[in-house]
């Protein structure tokens, strides 16, 4: 029922407002979203799929297409992240370097934090966020005290250099974007 109301609102919006290329494209996107949401709901009501999974994502897309301030804000966020992408790539290379180094140094340990490359990447990411750092490093620290240097160098450079640098770059890119728009 709500999607029928949305369809009526979109139709009246198209005819009540001055039509330009962007408003017509946005209205077509909304109609497509309504069709997908209706199909998703009908399939879930018929029992062909266990739950209407797509509707929660489609409802978020409705918010992004209906609310102008959300569209503008997400556009600004995406432009700032795009301008900061080189630093994101540098941080990714930094993670990959320590992922391989941790895999080489700690793969023979009984703990499963650095068994494969995927688990190594996950462990390095967890240590980077400091959410579970002591639990990951404790097993390796018991075997050799030199592993302390691996974690200290990784955390000091990652948290205190790259994270602060990332914050500064994002802030400067946002300031430039706002000054360009005004």
N, C-alpha and C. Protein backbone atom coordinates (compact mmCIF):
# COMPACT_ATOMS: atom_id res chain seq x y z
N UNK A 1 0.83 -1.20 0.00
CA UNK A 1 0.00 0.00 0.00
C UNK A 1 0.87 1.26 0.00
N UNK A 2 1.94 1.22 0.79
CA UNK A 2 2.80 2.39 0.86
C UNK A 2 3.46 2.68 -0.49
N UNK A 3 3.77 1.63 -1.25
CA UNK A 3 4.41 1.85 -2.53
C UNK A 3 3.44 2.43 -3.55
N UNK A 4 2.17 2.13 -3.41
CA UNK A 4 1.17 2.75 -4.28
C UNK A 4 1.09 4.25 -3.97
N UNK A 5 1.12 4.58 -2.70
CA UNK A 5 1.11 6.00 -2.30
C UNK A 5 2.35 6.70 -2.83
N UNK A 6 3.51 6.04 -2.73
CA UNK A 6 4.73 6.62 -3.28
C UNK A 6 4.60 6.85 -4.78
N UNK A 7 4.00 5.91 -5.49
CA UNK A 7 3.81 6.07 -6.93
C UNK A 7 2.94 7.25 -7.27
N UNK A 8 1.87 7.44 -6.51
CA UNK A 8 0.98 8.59 -6.73
C UNK A 8 1.73 9.89 -6.44
N UNK A 9 2.50 9.90 -5.35
CA UNK A 9 3.26 11.11 -5.02
C UNK A 9 4.31 11.44 -6.08
N UNK A 10 4.93 10.43 -6.61
CA UNK A 10 5.93 10.66 -7.65
C UNK A 10 5.27 11.20 -8.91
N UNK A 11 4.12 10.65 -9.25
CA UNK A 11 3.42 11.11 -10.45
C UNK A 11 2.97 12.55 -10.29
N UNK A 12 2.40 12.89 -9.14
CA UNK A 12 1.97 14.28 -8.93
C UNK A 12 3.16 15.21 -8.87
N UNK A 13 4.26 14.74 -8.36
CA UNK A 13 5.48 15.55 -8.30
C UNK A 13 5.99 15.86 -9.70
N UNK A 14 5.86 14.89 -10.59
CA UNK A 14 6.32 15.10 -11.96
C UNK A 14 5.49 16.15 -12.67
N UNK A 15 4.18 16.14 -12.44
CA UNK A 15 3.32 17.06 -13.18
C UNK A 15 3.15 18.40 -12.48
N UNK A 16 3.32 18.44 -11.17
CA UNK A 16 3.13 19.69 -10.44
C UNK A 16 4.38 20.56 -10.48
N UNK A 17 5.50 19.98 -10.69
CA UNK A 17 6.76 20.69 -10.66
C UNK A 17 7.26 20.93 -12.07
N UNK A 18 8.13 21.92 -12.20
CA UNK A 18 8.75 22.14 -13.48
C UNK A 18 9.64 20.95 -13.80
N UNK A 19 9.46 20.38 -14.97
CA UNK A 19 10.23 19.19 -15.32
C UNK A 19 11.55 19.58 -15.97
N UNK A 20 12.59 18.98 -15.46
CA UNK A 20 13.88 19.07 -16.12
C UNK A 20 14.45 17.67 -16.21
N UNK A 21 15.62 17.57 -16.78
CA UNK A 21 16.21 16.25 -17.01
C UNK A 21 16.45 15.50 -15.70
N UNK A 22 16.96 16.19 -14.66
CA UNK A 22 17.27 15.53 -13.40
C UNK A 22 16.02 15.04 -12.68
N UNK A 23 14.95 15.84 -12.71
CA UNK A 23 13.73 15.41 -12.01
C UNK A 23 13.08 14.23 -12.71
N UNK A 24 13.14 14.18 -14.02
CA UNK A 24 12.58 13.04 -14.75
C UNK A 24 13.41 11.79 -14.47
N UNK A 25 14.73 11.91 -14.48
CA UNK A 25 15.59 10.75 -14.19
C UNK A 25 15.35 10.25 -12.77
N UNK A 26 15.24 11.18 -11.82
CA UNK A 26 14.99 10.78 -10.44
C UNK A 26 13.63 10.10 -10.30
N UNK A 27 12.62 10.58 -11.02
CA UNK A 27 11.30 9.96 -10.97
C UNK A 27 11.32 8.56 -11.58
N UNK A 28 12.06 8.38 -12.65
CA UNK A 28 12.18 7.05 -13.26
C UNK A 28 12.88 6.09 -12.30
N UNK A 29 13.93 6.57 -11.62
CA UNK A 29 14.62 5.74 -10.64
C UNK A 29 13.67 5.35 -9.51
N UNK A 30 12.84 6.30 -9.07
CA UNK A 30 11.88 5.98 -8.00
C UNK A 30 10.85 4.97 -8.46
N UNK A 31 10.37 5.09 -9.71
CA UNK A 31 9.43 4.10 -10.23
C UNK A 31 10.08 2.71 -10.28
N UNK A 32 11.32 2.65 -10.70
CA UNK A 32 12.03 1.36 -10.76
C UNK A 32 12.17 0.78 -9.35
N UNK A 33 12.50 1.62 -8.37
CA UNK A 33 12.59 1.16 -6.99
C UNK A 33 11.25 0.64 -6.48
N UNK A 34 10.17 1.31 -6.84
CA UNK A 34 8.83 0.85 -6.43
C UNK A 34 8.53 -0.52 -7.04
N UNK A 35 8.88 -0.71 -8.30
CA UNK A 35 8.62 -2.00 -8.96
C UNK A 35 9.42 -3.11 -8.27
N UNK A 36 10.72 -2.85 -8.01
CA UNK A 36 11.53 -3.87 -7.34
C UNK A 36 11.01 -4.16 -5.93
N UNK A 37 10.61 -3.14 -5.19
CA UNK A 37 10.10 -3.35 -3.84
C UNK A 37 8.80 -4.13 -3.87
N UNK A 38 7.94 -3.83 -4.81
CA UNK A 38 6.67 -4.55 -4.92
C UNK A 38 6.91 -6.01 -5.29
N UNK A 39 7.81 -6.27 -6.23
CA UNK A 39 8.13 -7.65 -6.60
C UNK A 39 8.71 -8.39 -5.41
N UNK A 40 9.60 -7.74 -4.66
CA UNK A 40 10.21 -8.36 -3.48
C UNK A 40 9.15 -8.71 -2.44
N UNK A 41 8.23 -7.79 -2.20
CA UNK A 41 7.17 -8.06 -1.23
C UNK A 41 6.24 -9.17 -1.70
N UNK A 42 5.89 -9.18 -2.98
CA UNK A 42 5.00 -10.23 -3.50
C UNK A 42 5.67 -11.60 -3.44
N UNK A 43 6.96 -11.66 -3.74
CA UNK A 43 7.66 -12.94 -3.66
C UNK A 43 7.73 -13.44 -2.22
N UNK A 44 7.90 -12.52 -1.28
CA UNK A 44 7.95 -12.96 0.12
C UNK A 44 6.57 -13.36 0.63
N UNK A 45 5.53 -12.69 0.16
CA UNK A 45 4.16 -13.08 0.55
C UNK A 45 3.77 -14.41 -0.05
N UNK A 46 4.25 -14.71 -1.26
CA UNK A 46 3.94 -15.98 -1.91
C UNK A 46 4.76 -17.13 -1.32
N UNK A 47 5.76 -16.82 -0.52
CA UNK A 47 6.56 -17.86 0.10
C UNK A 47 7.72 -18.34 -0.75
N UNK A 48 8.01 -17.64 -1.83
CA UNK A 48 9.11 -18.05 -2.70
C UNK A 48 10.47 -17.65 -2.13
N UNK A 49 10.49 -16.57 -1.36
CA UNK A 49 11.71 -16.19 -0.64
C UNK A 49 11.33 -16.05 0.83
N UNK A 50 12.25 -16.38 1.74
CA UNK A 50 11.88 -16.43 3.16
C UNK A 50 11.54 -15.07 3.76
N UNK A 51 12.18 -14.02 3.32
CA UNK A 51 11.96 -12.71 3.91
C UNK A 51 12.18 -11.66 2.84
N UNK A 52 11.51 -10.54 2.98
CA UNK A 52 11.67 -9.46 2.02
C UNK A 52 12.97 -8.73 2.31
N UNK A 53 14.05 -9.20 1.69
CA UNK A 53 15.37 -8.63 1.95
C UNK A 53 15.58 -7.29 1.25
N UNK A 54 15.11 -7.18 0.06
CA UNK A 54 15.40 -6.00 -0.74
C UNK A 54 14.70 -4.73 -0.29
N UNK A 55 13.59 -4.86 0.42
CA UNK A 55 12.82 -3.66 0.75
C UNK A 55 13.55 -2.73 1.70
N UNK A 56 14.34 -3.27 2.62
CA UNK A 56 15.05 -2.35 3.53
C UNK A 56 16.10 -1.55 2.79
N UNK A 57 16.74 -2.13 1.79
CA UNK A 57 17.70 -1.38 1.00
C UNK A 57 17.00 -0.40 0.06
N UNK A 58 15.88 -0.82 -0.46
CA UNK A 58 15.13 0.05 -1.36
C UNK A 58 14.57 1.24 -0.59
N UNK A 59 14.16 1.03 0.65
CA UNK A 59 13.68 2.16 1.46
C UNK A 59 14.79 3.18 1.70
N UNK A 60 16.01 2.71 1.89
CA UNK A 60 17.15 3.64 2.02
C UNK A 60 17.36 4.41 0.73
N UNK A 61 17.21 3.73 -0.40
CA UNK A 61 17.35 4.42 -1.68
C UNK A 61 16.25 5.45 -1.87
N UNK A 62 15.04 5.17 -1.38
CA UNK A 62 13.97 6.16 -1.43
C UNK A 62 14.35 7.42 -0.66
N UNK A 63 14.94 7.23 0.51
CA UNK A 63 15.37 8.40 1.28
C UNK A 63 16.40 9.22 0.51
N UNK A 64 17.33 8.53 -0.12
CA UNK A 64 18.36 9.25 -0.86
C UNK A 64 17.80 9.96 -2.09
N UNK A 65 16.77 9.44 -2.70
CA UNK A 65 16.22 10.09 -3.88
C UNK A 65 15.19 11.15 -3.53
N UNK A 66 14.46 10.99 -2.43
CA UNK A 66 13.45 11.97 -2.04
C UNK A 66 14.01 13.17 -1.30
N UNK A 67 14.90 12.96 -0.37
CA UNK A 67 15.35 14.04 0.51
C UNK A 67 16.59 14.70 -0.12
N UNK A 68 16.43 15.96 -0.49
CA UNK A 68 17.49 16.68 -1.19
C UNK A 68 18.73 16.84 -0.33
N UNK A 69 18.59 17.15 0.94
CA UNK A 69 19.76 17.37 1.79
C UNK A 69 20.58 16.10 1.94
N UNK A 70 19.91 14.94 1.98
CA UNK A 70 20.66 13.68 2.03
C UNK A 70 21.45 13.45 0.74
N UNK A 71 20.82 13.76 -0.39
CA UNK A 71 21.51 13.60 -1.67
C UNK A 71 22.73 14.50 -1.74
N UNK A 72 22.57 15.74 -1.32
CA UNK A 72 23.69 16.68 -1.36
C UNK A 72 24.79 16.24 -0.41
N UNK A 73 24.41 15.82 0.80
CA UNK A 73 25.41 15.40 1.79
C UNK A 73 26.17 14.17 1.31
N UNK A 74 25.46 13.16 0.79
CA UNK A 74 26.14 11.96 0.30
C UNK A 74 27.03 12.28 -0.89
N UNK A 75 26.60 13.20 -1.73
CA UNK A 75 27.44 13.61 -2.85
C UNK A 75 28.73 14.26 -2.37
N UNK A 76 28.62 15.13 -1.36
CA UNK A 76 29.81 15.76 -0.80
C UNK A 76 30.74 14.73 -0.16
N UNK A 77 30.17 13.80 0.59
CA UNK A 77 30.98 12.76 1.23
C UNK A 77 31.70 11.92 0.19
N UNK A 78 31.02 11.54 -0.87
CA UNK A 78 31.65 10.72 -1.91
C UNK A 78 32.75 11.49 -2.63
N UNK A 79 32.55 12.80 -2.89
CA UNK A 79 33.60 13.59 -3.53
C UNK A 79 34.82 13.74 -2.63
N UNK A 80 34.60 13.94 -1.33
CA UNK A 80 35.72 14.06 -0.39
C UNK A 80 36.48 12.74 -0.31
N UNK A 81 35.75 11.62 -0.23
CA UNK A 81 36.42 10.32 -0.18
C UNK A 81 37.18 10.02 -1.47
N UNK A 82 36.64 10.44 -2.59
CA UNK A 82 37.33 10.24 -3.86
C UNK A 82 38.63 11.05 -3.91
N UNK A 83 38.57 12.28 -3.43
CA UNK A 83 39.77 13.12 -3.41
C UNK A 83 40.81 12.58 -2.42
N UNK A 84 40.38 11.84 -1.42
CA UNK A 84 41.29 11.28 -0.42
C UNK A 84 41.70 9.85 -0.74
N UNK A 85 41.36 9.37 -1.91
CA UNK A 85 41.58 7.95 -2.22
C UNK A 85 43.05 7.56 -2.28
N UNK A 86 43.93 8.48 -2.61
CA UNK A 86 45.35 8.11 -2.65
C UNK A 86 45.86 7.74 -1.26
N UNK A 87 45.42 8.47 -0.25
CA UNK A 87 45.84 8.13 1.11
C UNK A 87 45.22 6.81 1.56
N UNK A 88 44.00 6.53 1.14
CA UNK A 88 43.40 5.23 1.45
C UNK A 88 44.21 4.10 0.82
N UNK A 89 44.70 4.32 -0.38
CA UNK A 89 45.53 3.30 -1.04
C UNK A 89 46.86 3.13 -0.30
N UNK A 90 47.44 4.21 0.18
CA UNK A 90 48.69 4.11 0.95
C UNK A 90 48.47 3.31 2.22
N UNK A 91 47.35 3.57 2.91
CA UNK A 91 47.04 2.82 4.12
C UNK A 91 46.78 1.35 3.80
N UNK A 92 46.14 1.07 2.68
CA UNK A 92 45.91 -0.32 2.28
C UNK A 92 47.23 -1.04 1.99
N UNK A 93 48.16 -0.35 1.34
CA UNK A 93 49.47 -0.95 1.09
C UNK A 93 50.20 -1.19 2.41
N UNK A 94 50.06 -0.27 3.35
CA UNK A 94 50.66 -0.42 4.68
C UNK A 94 50.09 -1.66 5.38
N UNK A 95 48.77 -1.84 5.29
CA UNK A 95 48.14 -3.03 5.88
C UNK A 95 48.65 -4.29 5.20
N UNK A 96 48.74 -4.25 3.88
CA UNK A 96 49.18 -5.44 3.15
C UNK A 96 50.62 -5.80 3.51
N UNK A 97 51.49 -4.79 3.65
CA UNK A 97 52.86 -5.06 4.04
C UNK A 97 52.92 -5.76 5.39
N UNK A 98 52.21 -5.24 6.39
CA UNK A 98 52.23 -5.85 7.70
C UNK A 98 51.45 -7.16 7.73
N UNK A 99 50.49 -7.32 6.83
CA UNK A 99 49.80 -8.59 6.74
C UNK A 99 50.77 -9.68 6.28
N UNK A 100 51.53 -9.42 5.23
CA UNK A 100 52.52 -10.39 4.76
C UNK A 100 53.62 -10.62 5.78
N UNK A 101 54.07 -9.55 6.41
CA UNK A 101 55.11 -9.67 7.43
C UNK A 101 54.62 -10.51 8.61
N UNK A 102 53.39 -10.25 9.07
CA UNK A 102 52.82 -11.05 10.15
C UNK A 102 52.61 -12.49 9.75
N UNK A 103 52.20 -12.72 8.50
CA UNK A 103 52.02 -14.09 8.02
C UNK A 103 53.35 -14.84 8.01
N UNK A 104 54.40 -14.17 7.56
CA UNK A 104 55.72 -14.81 7.51
C UNK A 104 56.26 -15.06 8.92
N UNK A 105 56.11 -14.10 9.80
CA UNK A 105 56.68 -14.22 11.14
C UNK A 105 55.88 -15.16 12.05
N UNK A 106 54.56 -15.14 11.94
CA UNK A 106 53.73 -15.81 12.94
C UNK A 106 52.93 -16.99 12.42
N UNK A 107 53.11 -17.41 11.20
CA UNK A 107 52.27 -18.49 10.66
C UNK A 107 52.58 -19.84 11.29
N UNK A 108 53.74 -20.01 11.89
CA UNK A 108 54.07 -21.30 12.50
C UNK A 108 53.63 -21.39 13.96
N UNK A 109 52.95 -20.38 14.46
CA UNK A 109 52.47 -20.38 15.84
C UNK A 109 51.19 -21.20 15.95
N UNK A 110 50.87 -21.65 17.17
CA UNK A 110 49.68 -22.47 17.39
C UNK A 110 48.39 -21.66 17.25
N UNK A 111 48.46 -20.36 17.45
CA UNK A 111 47.28 -19.52 17.33
C UNK A 111 46.88 -19.39 15.86
N UNK A 112 45.62 -19.16 15.62
CA UNK A 112 45.13 -19.13 14.24
C UNK A 112 44.93 -17.71 13.71
N UNK A 113 45.55 -16.72 14.33
CA UNK A 113 45.36 -15.34 13.89
C UNK A 113 46.10 -15.02 12.60
N UNK A 114 47.19 -15.69 12.31
CA UNK A 114 47.98 -15.45 11.11
C UNK A 114 48.17 -16.72 10.30
N UNK A 115 47.19 -17.62 10.29
CA UNK A 115 47.30 -18.88 9.55
C UNK A 115 47.30 -18.66 8.04
N UNK A 116 46.37 -17.88 7.55
CA UNK A 116 46.27 -17.61 6.13
C UNK A 116 46.32 -16.12 5.88
N UNK A 117 46.29 -15.75 4.61
CA UNK A 117 46.35 -14.33 4.29
C UNK A 117 45.08 -13.60 4.71
N UNK A 118 43.93 -14.25 4.57
CA UNK A 118 42.68 -13.59 4.97
C UNK A 118 42.62 -13.39 6.48
N UNK A 119 43.01 -14.39 7.25
CA UNK A 119 43.01 -14.22 8.70
C UNK A 119 44.10 -13.25 9.14
N UNK A 120 45.20 -13.18 8.40
CA UNK A 120 46.25 -12.20 8.70
C UNK A 120 45.73 -10.79 8.47
N UNK A 121 45.03 -10.59 7.36
CA UNK A 121 44.48 -9.26 7.09
C UNK A 121 43.46 -8.86 8.15
N UNK A 122 42.62 -9.81 8.54
CA UNK A 122 41.64 -9.52 9.59
C UNK A 122 42.34 -9.18 10.91
N UNK A 123 43.36 -9.93 11.27
CA UNK A 123 44.08 -9.67 12.52
C UNK A 123 44.77 -8.32 12.49
N UNK A 124 45.37 -7.98 11.36
CA UNK A 124 46.04 -6.69 11.23
C UNK A 124 45.02 -5.56 11.31
N UNK A 125 43.86 -5.74 10.72
CA UNK A 125 42.82 -4.71 10.80
C UNK A 125 42.34 -4.55 12.24
N UNK A 126 42.17 -5.64 12.95
CA UNK A 126 41.73 -5.58 14.35
C UNK A 126 42.77 -4.87 15.20
N UNK A 127 44.04 -5.17 14.97
CA UNK A 127 45.10 -4.49 15.72
C UNK A 127 45.13 -3.01 15.36
N UNK A 128 44.86 -2.67 14.11
CA UNK A 128 44.85 -1.27 13.68
C UNK A 128 43.76 -0.48 14.39
N UNK A 129 42.63 -1.11 14.65
CA UNK A 129 41.55 -0.42 15.35
C UNK A 129 41.70 -0.51 16.86
N UNK A 130 42.63 -1.31 17.33
CA UNK A 130 42.88 -1.54 18.77
C UNK A 130 41.69 -2.13 19.50
N UNK A 131 40.78 -2.76 18.78
CA UNK A 131 39.59 -3.30 19.43
C UNK A 131 39.89 -4.58 20.20
N UNK A 132 40.83 -5.39 19.73
CA UNK A 132 41.14 -6.64 20.42
C UNK A 132 42.64 -6.89 20.35
N UNK A 133 43.40 -5.84 20.45
CA UNK A 133 44.85 -5.93 20.28
C UNK A 133 45.52 -6.87 21.29
N UNK A 134 45.26 -6.77 22.59
CA UNK A 134 46.01 -7.64 23.52
C UNK A 134 45.77 -9.13 23.30
N UNK A 135 44.55 -9.48 22.96
CA UNK A 135 44.26 -10.91 22.77
C UNK A 135 45.00 -11.47 21.56
N UNK A 136 45.12 -10.69 20.51
CA UNK A 136 45.83 -11.17 19.32
C UNK A 136 47.32 -11.27 19.58
N UNK A 137 47.89 -10.27 20.24
CA UNK A 137 49.34 -10.25 20.39
C UNK A 137 49.85 -11.10 21.55
N UNK A 138 49.02 -11.47 22.47
CA UNK A 138 49.49 -12.17 23.67
C UNK A 138 50.10 -13.53 23.37
N UNK A 139 49.48 -14.32 22.50
CA UNK A 139 50.01 -15.65 22.18
C UNK A 139 51.40 -15.57 21.55
N UNK A 140 51.61 -14.57 20.72
CA UNK A 140 52.91 -14.43 20.05
C UNK A 140 53.94 -13.83 21.00
N UNK A 141 53.49 -12.98 21.89
CA UNK A 141 54.39 -12.36 22.86
C UNK A 141 54.93 -13.40 23.85
N UNK A 142 54.12 -14.41 24.15
CA UNK A 142 54.59 -15.48 25.04
C UNK A 142 55.74 -16.26 24.40
N UNK A 143 55.69 -16.45 23.07
CA UNK A 143 56.73 -17.20 22.38
C UNK A 143 58.04 -16.43 22.26
N UNK A 144 57.92 -15.15 21.93
CA UNK A 144 59.12 -14.34 21.74
C UNK A 144 58.81 -12.89 22.11
N UNK A 145 59.68 -12.31 22.89
CA UNK A 145 59.47 -10.92 23.30
C UNK A 145 59.73 -9.93 22.16
N UNK A 146 60.37 -10.37 21.10
CA UNK A 146 60.66 -9.48 19.98
C UNK A 146 59.41 -9.16 19.16
N UNK A 147 58.36 -9.93 19.32
CA UNK A 147 57.12 -9.61 18.61
C UNK A 147 56.53 -8.30 19.09
N UNK A 148 56.95 -7.87 20.27
CA UNK A 148 56.50 -6.59 20.79
C UNK A 148 56.87 -5.46 19.82
N UNK A 149 58.04 -5.53 19.21
CA UNK A 149 58.47 -4.48 18.29
C UNK A 149 57.62 -4.45 17.03
N UNK A 150 57.20 -5.62 16.57
CA UNK A 150 56.32 -5.68 15.41
C UNK A 150 55.03 -4.90 15.68
N UNK A 151 54.41 -5.17 16.81
CA UNK A 151 53.15 -4.52 17.14
C UNK A 151 53.33 -3.04 17.48
N UNK A 152 54.41 -2.69 18.14
CA UNK A 152 54.63 -1.29 18.50
C UNK A 152 54.86 -0.44 17.26
N UNK A 153 55.69 -0.92 16.34
CA UNK A 153 55.94 -0.18 15.11
C UNK A 153 54.66 -0.06 14.30
N UNK A 154 53.91 -1.15 14.20
CA UNK A 154 52.67 -1.13 13.43
C UNK A 154 51.66 -0.15 14.02
N UNK A 155 51.48 -0.18 15.32
CA UNK A 155 50.49 0.69 15.96
C UNK A 155 50.94 2.14 15.95
N UNK A 156 52.19 2.38 16.25
CA UNK A 156 52.67 3.77 16.29
C UNK A 156 52.57 4.43 14.92
N UNK A 157 53.05 3.77 13.90
CA UNK A 157 53.00 4.36 12.57
C UNK A 157 51.55 4.44 12.07
N UNK A 158 50.79 3.37 12.29
CA UNK A 158 49.42 3.34 11.77
C UNK A 158 48.50 4.31 12.47
N UNK A 159 48.47 4.24 13.79
CA UNK A 159 47.52 5.08 14.52
C UNK A 159 47.95 6.53 14.62
N UNK A 160 49.20 6.73 14.95
CA UNK A 160 49.61 8.09 15.25
C UNK A 160 50.12 8.85 14.03
N UNK A 161 50.41 8.17 12.95
CA UNK A 161 50.81 8.88 11.74
C UNK A 161 49.70 8.84 10.69
N UNK A 162 49.33 7.63 10.27
CA UNK A 162 48.38 7.53 9.18
C UNK A 162 46.97 8.00 9.55
N UNK A 163 46.50 7.68 10.72
CA UNK A 163 45.14 8.08 11.08
C UNK A 163 45.03 9.60 11.24
N UNK A 164 46.02 10.23 11.83
CA UNK A 164 46.00 11.68 11.95
C UNK A 164 46.16 12.34 10.58
N UNK A 165 47.01 11.77 9.76
CA UNK A 165 47.18 12.29 8.41
C UNK A 165 45.90 12.14 7.60
N UNK A 166 45.22 11.02 7.76
CA UNK A 166 43.95 10.79 7.06
C UNK A 166 42.91 11.81 7.50
N UNK A 167 42.83 12.06 8.79
CA UNK A 167 41.88 13.06 9.28
C UNK A 167 42.18 14.44 8.72
N UNK A 168 43.45 14.80 8.66
CA UNK A 168 43.84 16.11 8.12
C UNK A 168 43.52 16.21 6.63
N UNK A 169 43.78 15.16 5.88
CA UNK A 169 43.52 15.18 4.44
C UNK A 169 42.02 15.27 4.17
N UNK A 170 41.23 14.51 4.89
CA UNK A 170 39.78 14.56 4.70
C UNK A 170 39.25 15.94 5.08
N UNK A 171 39.73 16.51 6.16
CA UNK A 171 39.29 17.84 6.57
C UNK A 171 39.66 18.89 5.53
N UNK A 172 40.89 18.85 5.02
CA UNK A 172 41.30 19.82 4.00
C UNK A 172 40.52 19.65 2.71
N UNK A 173 40.27 18.41 2.30
CA UNK A 173 39.47 18.18 1.09
C UNK A 173 38.05 18.66 1.26
N UNK A 174 37.49 18.49 2.45
CA UNK A 174 36.14 18.99 2.70
C UNK A 174 36.12 20.52 2.67
N UNK A 175 37.13 21.15 3.27
CA UNK A 175 37.21 22.61 3.24
C UNK A 175 37.32 23.12 1.81
N UNK A 176 38.13 22.47 0.99
CA UNK A 176 38.26 22.86 -0.42
C UNK A 176 36.94 22.69 -1.16
N UNK A 177 36.24 21.59 -0.88
CA UNK A 177 34.98 21.34 -1.56
C UNK A 177 33.94 22.40 -1.20
N UNK A 178 33.87 22.75 0.08
CA UNK A 178 32.91 23.76 0.51
C UNK A 178 33.26 25.12 -0.09
N UNK A 179 34.55 25.45 -0.14
CA UNK A 179 34.94 26.75 -0.71
C UNK A 179 34.70 26.78 -2.22
N UNK A 180 34.81 25.65 -2.90
CA UNK A 180 34.51 25.60 -4.34
C UNK A 180 33.03 25.76 -4.61
N UNK A 181 32.19 25.23 -3.72
CA UNK A 181 30.74 25.32 -3.92
C UNK A 181 30.20 26.71 -3.64
N UNK A 182 30.89 27.44 -2.79
CA UNK A 182 30.41 28.81 -2.45
C UNK A 182 30.96 29.81 -3.38
